[in-house]
Each structure stands twice: as C-alpha cells, then as structure tokens.
C-alpha cells in the first residue's frame, strides 16, 4: 500500500482505516505493475486494528472476490 503521492510502499499485515481532512477528494487505485494500492493524498490519520472503537473487517482477497457487486448510488 502507498499512503500518499510521495510515500514509500508498505506491506500491510493487519486491517487499517484511514481518515482524511474534511473536503479531501481521495482516490484509491491498484498499480497494475506492482499490485500496490495507492492513495492520491496522504491520510490525516491511519488507524490500525485495536487503536479505535471501530470494528475493522478482516476480509481476505478471496472473500472480496466472492462478493456480488452492487450498483453504485450517485447523488
């Protein structure tokens, strides 16, 4: 995962949640050459499992691949 345009790639071993400054237009994409998930801006805060009261899911890629896509709602 690359957390911002100037950040170095990191190997994630646990779920994370990211927080952005209000009004930030964030974009996450997968780099086709490296397979890394890249964010276009650095998050204001990165929360690891256990650092918040939120439940962070621990889906594997196989779990995600078996999900049926749902239509995106655009307001």
N, C-alpha and C. Protein backbone atom coordinates (compact mmCIF):
# COMPACT_ATOMS: atom_id res chain seq x y z
N UNK A 1 0.84 -1.17 0.00
CA UNK A 1 0.00 0.00 0.00
C UNK A 1 0.89 1.23 0.00
N UNK A 2 0.49 2.24 -0.75
CA UNK A 2 1.20 3.51 -0.79
C UNK A 2 0.25 4.57 -0.25
N UNK A 3 0.59 5.17 0.88
CA UNK A 3 -0.29 6.13 1.57
C UNK A 3 0.06 7.56 1.21
N UNK A 4 -0.14 7.95 -0.03
CA UNK A 4 0.13 9.31 -0.48
C UNK A 4 1.05 9.32 -1.67
N UNK A 5 1.07 10.44 -2.38
CA UNK A 5 1.81 10.52 -3.63
C UNK A 5 3.33 10.44 -3.45
N UNK A 6 3.86 10.82 -2.29
CA UNK A 6 5.31 10.80 -2.07
C UNK A 6 5.75 9.72 -1.08
N UNK A 7 4.83 8.86 -0.68
CA UNK A 7 5.13 7.86 0.35
C UNK A 7 5.77 6.62 -0.26
N UNK A 8 6.48 5.89 0.58
CA UNK A 8 7.08 4.62 0.19
C UNK A 8 6.07 3.49 0.38
N UNK A 9 6.10 2.47 -0.47
CA UNK A 9 5.18 1.33 -0.31
C UNK A 9 5.38 0.64 1.04
N UNK A 10 4.27 0.18 1.62
CA UNK A 10 4.30 -0.53 2.90
C UNK A 10 3.56 -1.85 2.73
N UNK A 11 4.06 -2.90 3.35
CA UNK A 11 3.36 -4.18 3.39
C UNK A 11 2.44 -4.15 4.60
N UNK A 12 1.15 -4.30 4.39
CA UNK A 12 0.20 -4.28 5.50
C UNK A 12 -0.04 -5.70 5.98
N UNK A 13 -0.01 -5.87 7.30
CA UNK A 13 -0.22 -7.19 7.88
C UNK A 13 -1.48 -7.26 8.72
N UNK A 14 -2.20 -6.13 8.82
CA UNK A 14 -3.44 -6.07 9.58
C UNK A 14 -4.36 -5.03 8.94
N UNK A 15 -5.65 -5.09 9.27
CA UNK A 15 -6.59 -4.11 8.71
C UNK A 15 -6.27 -2.70 9.18
N UNK A 16 -6.54 -1.73 8.33
CA UNK A 16 -6.39 -0.32 8.70
C UNK A 16 -7.63 0.45 8.26
N UNK A 17 -7.82 1.60 8.87
CA UNK A 17 -8.81 2.58 8.43
C UNK A 17 -8.05 3.89 8.28
N UNK A 18 -8.40 4.68 7.28
CA UNK A 18 -7.73 5.96 7.08
C UNK A 18 -8.73 7.09 7.23
N UNK A 19 -8.25 8.21 7.75
CA UNK A 19 -9.07 9.40 7.93
C UNK A 19 -8.46 10.52 7.09
N UNK A 20 -9.33 11.22 6.35
CA UNK A 20 -8.89 12.34 5.54
C UNK A 20 -9.47 13.64 6.09
N UNK A 21 -8.82 14.74 5.84
CA UNK A 21 -9.31 16.05 6.22
C UNK A 21 -10.62 16.29 5.47
N UNK A 22 -11.62 16.87 6.15
CA UNK A 22 -12.90 17.16 5.51
C UNK A 22 -12.68 17.91 4.20
N UNK A 23 -13.41 17.50 3.16
CA UNK A 23 -13.32 18.15 1.86
C UNK A 23 -12.27 17.54 0.94
N UNK A 24 -11.46 16.62 1.45
CA UNK A 24 -10.43 15.99 0.63
C UNK A 24 -11.08 15.05 -0.38
N UNK A 25 -10.65 15.12 -1.61
CA UNK A 25 -11.12 14.18 -2.63
C UNK A 25 -10.06 13.09 -2.76
N UNK A 26 -10.34 11.97 -2.13
CA UNK A 26 -9.37 10.87 -2.13
C UNK A 26 -9.68 9.89 -3.24
N UNK A 27 -8.64 9.24 -3.71
CA UNK A 27 -8.75 8.25 -4.76
C UNK A 27 -7.82 7.09 -4.40
N UNK A 28 -8.37 5.89 -4.42
CA UNK A 28 -7.56 4.69 -4.18
C UNK A 28 -7.57 3.88 -5.47
N UNK A 29 -6.40 3.43 -5.89
CA UNK A 29 -6.31 2.62 -7.10
C UNK A 29 -5.22 1.58 -6.93
N UNK A 30 -5.30 0.54 -7.73
CA UNK A 30 -4.29 -0.51 -7.71
C UNK A 30 -3.31 -0.26 -8.84
N UNK A 31 -2.04 -0.23 -8.52
CA UNK A 31 -0.99 -0.07 -9.52
C UNK A 31 -0.88 -1.39 -10.28
N UNK A 32 -1.13 -1.38 -11.60
CA UNK A 32 -1.09 -2.64 -12.35
C UNK A 32 0.29 -3.28 -12.41
N UNK A 33 1.34 -2.49 -12.28
CA UNK A 33 2.70 -3.03 -12.36
C UNK A 33 3.14 -3.69 -11.05
N UNK A 34 2.73 -3.10 -9.92
CA UNK A 34 3.20 -3.61 -8.62
C UNK A 34 2.12 -4.31 -7.81
N UNK A 35 0.85 -4.04 -8.13
CA UNK A 35 -0.24 -4.60 -7.36
C UNK A 35 -0.52 -3.84 -6.07
N UNK A 36 0.24 -2.78 -5.82
CA UNK A 36 0.07 -1.99 -4.60
C UNK A 36 -1.16 -1.10 -4.70
N UNK A 37 -1.85 -0.91 -3.60
CA UNK A 37 -2.95 0.05 -3.54
C UNK A 37 -2.33 1.41 -3.27
N UNK A 38 -2.67 2.39 -4.10
CA UNK A 38 -2.09 3.72 -3.98
C UNK A 38 -3.19 4.73 -3.68
N UNK A 39 -2.92 5.63 -2.72
CA UNK A 39 -3.82 6.75 -2.42
C UNK A 39 -3.22 8.01 -3.02
N UNK A 40 -4.07 8.89 -3.54
CA UNK A 40 -3.56 10.09 -4.18
C UNK A 40 -3.13 11.17 -3.19
N UNK A 41 -3.62 11.10 -1.95
CA UNK A 41 -3.22 12.05 -0.90
C UNK A 41 -2.91 11.27 0.38
N UNK A 42 -2.04 11.81 1.17
CA UNK A 42 -1.69 11.16 2.44
C UNK A 42 -2.83 11.35 3.43
N UNK A 43 -3.25 10.28 4.11
CA UNK A 43 -4.32 10.42 5.10
C UNK A 43 -3.88 11.29 6.27
N UNK A 44 -4.86 11.93 6.92
CA UNK A 44 -4.58 12.71 8.11
C UNK A 44 -4.22 11.79 9.28
N UNK A 45 -4.80 10.59 9.29
CA UNK A 45 -4.54 9.62 10.37
C UNK A 45 -4.77 8.23 9.83
N UNK A 46 -3.95 7.28 10.27
CA UNK A 46 -4.12 5.87 9.94
C UNK A 46 -4.38 5.13 11.24
N UNK A 47 -5.48 4.40 11.28
CA UNK A 47 -5.85 3.62 12.46
C UNK A 47 -5.61 2.16 12.17
N UNK A 48 -4.90 1.48 13.06
CA UNK A 48 -4.71 0.04 12.96
C UNK A 48 -5.72 -0.65 13.86
N UNK A 49 -5.92 -1.92 13.64
CA UNK A 49 -6.85 -2.69 14.46
C UNK A 49 -6.50 -2.51 15.93
N UNK A 50 -7.51 -2.22 16.77
CA UNK A 50 -7.30 -2.03 18.19
C UNK A 50 -7.03 -0.61 18.61
N UNK A 51 -6.78 0.29 17.67
CA UNK A 51 -6.49 1.69 18.01
C UNK A 51 -7.75 2.56 18.04
N UNK A 52 -8.88 1.98 17.72
CA UNK A 52 -10.14 2.72 17.76
C UNK A 52 -11.23 1.78 18.26
N UNK A 53 -12.41 2.33 18.42
CA UNK A 53 -13.54 1.51 18.86
C UNK A 53 -14.28 0.91 17.68
N UNK A 54 -13.83 1.19 16.46
CA UNK A 54 -14.48 0.67 15.26
C UNK A 54 -14.10 -0.78 15.07
N UNK A 55 -14.99 -1.52 14.50
CA UNK A 55 -14.70 -2.88 14.09
C UNK A 55 -14.13 -2.84 12.68
N UNK A 56 -12.89 -3.24 12.52
CA UNK A 56 -12.28 -3.27 11.20
C UNK A 56 -12.38 -4.69 10.65
N UNK A 57 -13.07 -4.88 9.53
CA UNK A 57 -13.22 -6.23 8.99
C UNK A 57 -11.88 -6.80 8.53
N UNK A 58 -11.79 -8.10 8.54
CA UNK A 58 -10.56 -8.78 8.13
C UNK A 58 -10.84 -9.69 6.94
N UNK A 59 -11.36 -9.10 5.86
CA UNK A 59 -11.66 -9.86 4.66
C UNK A 59 -10.38 -10.19 3.91
N UNK A 60 -10.29 -11.41 3.43
CA UNK A 60 -9.18 -11.78 2.56
C UNK A 60 -9.55 -11.40 1.13
N UNK A 61 -8.60 -11.43 0.23
CA UNK A 61 -8.90 -11.14 -1.18
C UNK A 61 -9.90 -12.16 -1.71
N UNK A 62 -9.79 -13.41 -1.27
CA UNK A 62 -10.74 -14.44 -1.71
C UNK A 62 -12.16 -14.10 -1.26
N UNK A 63 -12.31 -13.58 -0.02
CA UNK A 63 -13.63 -13.15 0.47
C UNK A 63 -14.20 -12.04 -0.41
N UNK A 64 -13.36 -11.09 -0.75
CA UNK A 64 -13.80 -9.96 -1.56
C UNK A 64 -14.18 -10.42 -2.96
N UNK A 65 -13.39 -11.33 -3.53
CA UNK A 65 -13.65 -11.82 -4.89
C UNK A 65 -14.98 -12.56 -5.01
N UNK A 66 -15.48 -13.14 -3.91
CA UNK A 66 -16.73 -13.89 -3.97
C UNK A 66 -17.96 -13.01 -3.77
N UNK A 67 -17.77 -11.74 -3.45
CA UNK A 67 -18.91 -10.83 -3.24
C UNK A 67 -19.55 -10.46 -4.57
N UNK A 68 -20.86 -10.31 -4.56
CA UNK A 68 -21.59 -9.88 -5.75
C UNK A 68 -21.60 -8.36 -5.76
N UNK A 69 -21.14 -7.74 -6.86
CA UNK A 69 -21.13 -6.27 -6.92
C UNK A 69 -22.55 -5.71 -6.83
N UNK A 70 -22.68 -4.57 -6.18
CA UNK A 70 -23.96 -3.87 -6.10
C UNK A 70 -23.85 -2.56 -6.86
N UNK A 71 -24.97 -2.09 -7.43
CA UNK A 71 -24.91 -0.83 -8.18
C UNK A 71 -24.47 0.32 -7.29
N UNK A 72 -23.67 1.21 -7.84
CA UNK A 72 -23.22 2.39 -7.11
C UNK A 72 -24.30 3.46 -7.17
N UNK A 73 -24.61 4.08 -6.03
CA UNK A 73 -25.58 5.16 -5.99
C UNK A 73 -24.84 6.48 -6.03
N UNK A 74 -25.21 7.32 -6.97
CA UNK A 74 -24.58 8.62 -7.10
C UNK A 74 -25.66 9.67 -6.88
N UNK A 75 -25.47 10.51 -5.87
CA UNK A 75 -26.46 11.57 -5.59
C UNK A 75 -26.20 12.77 -6.44
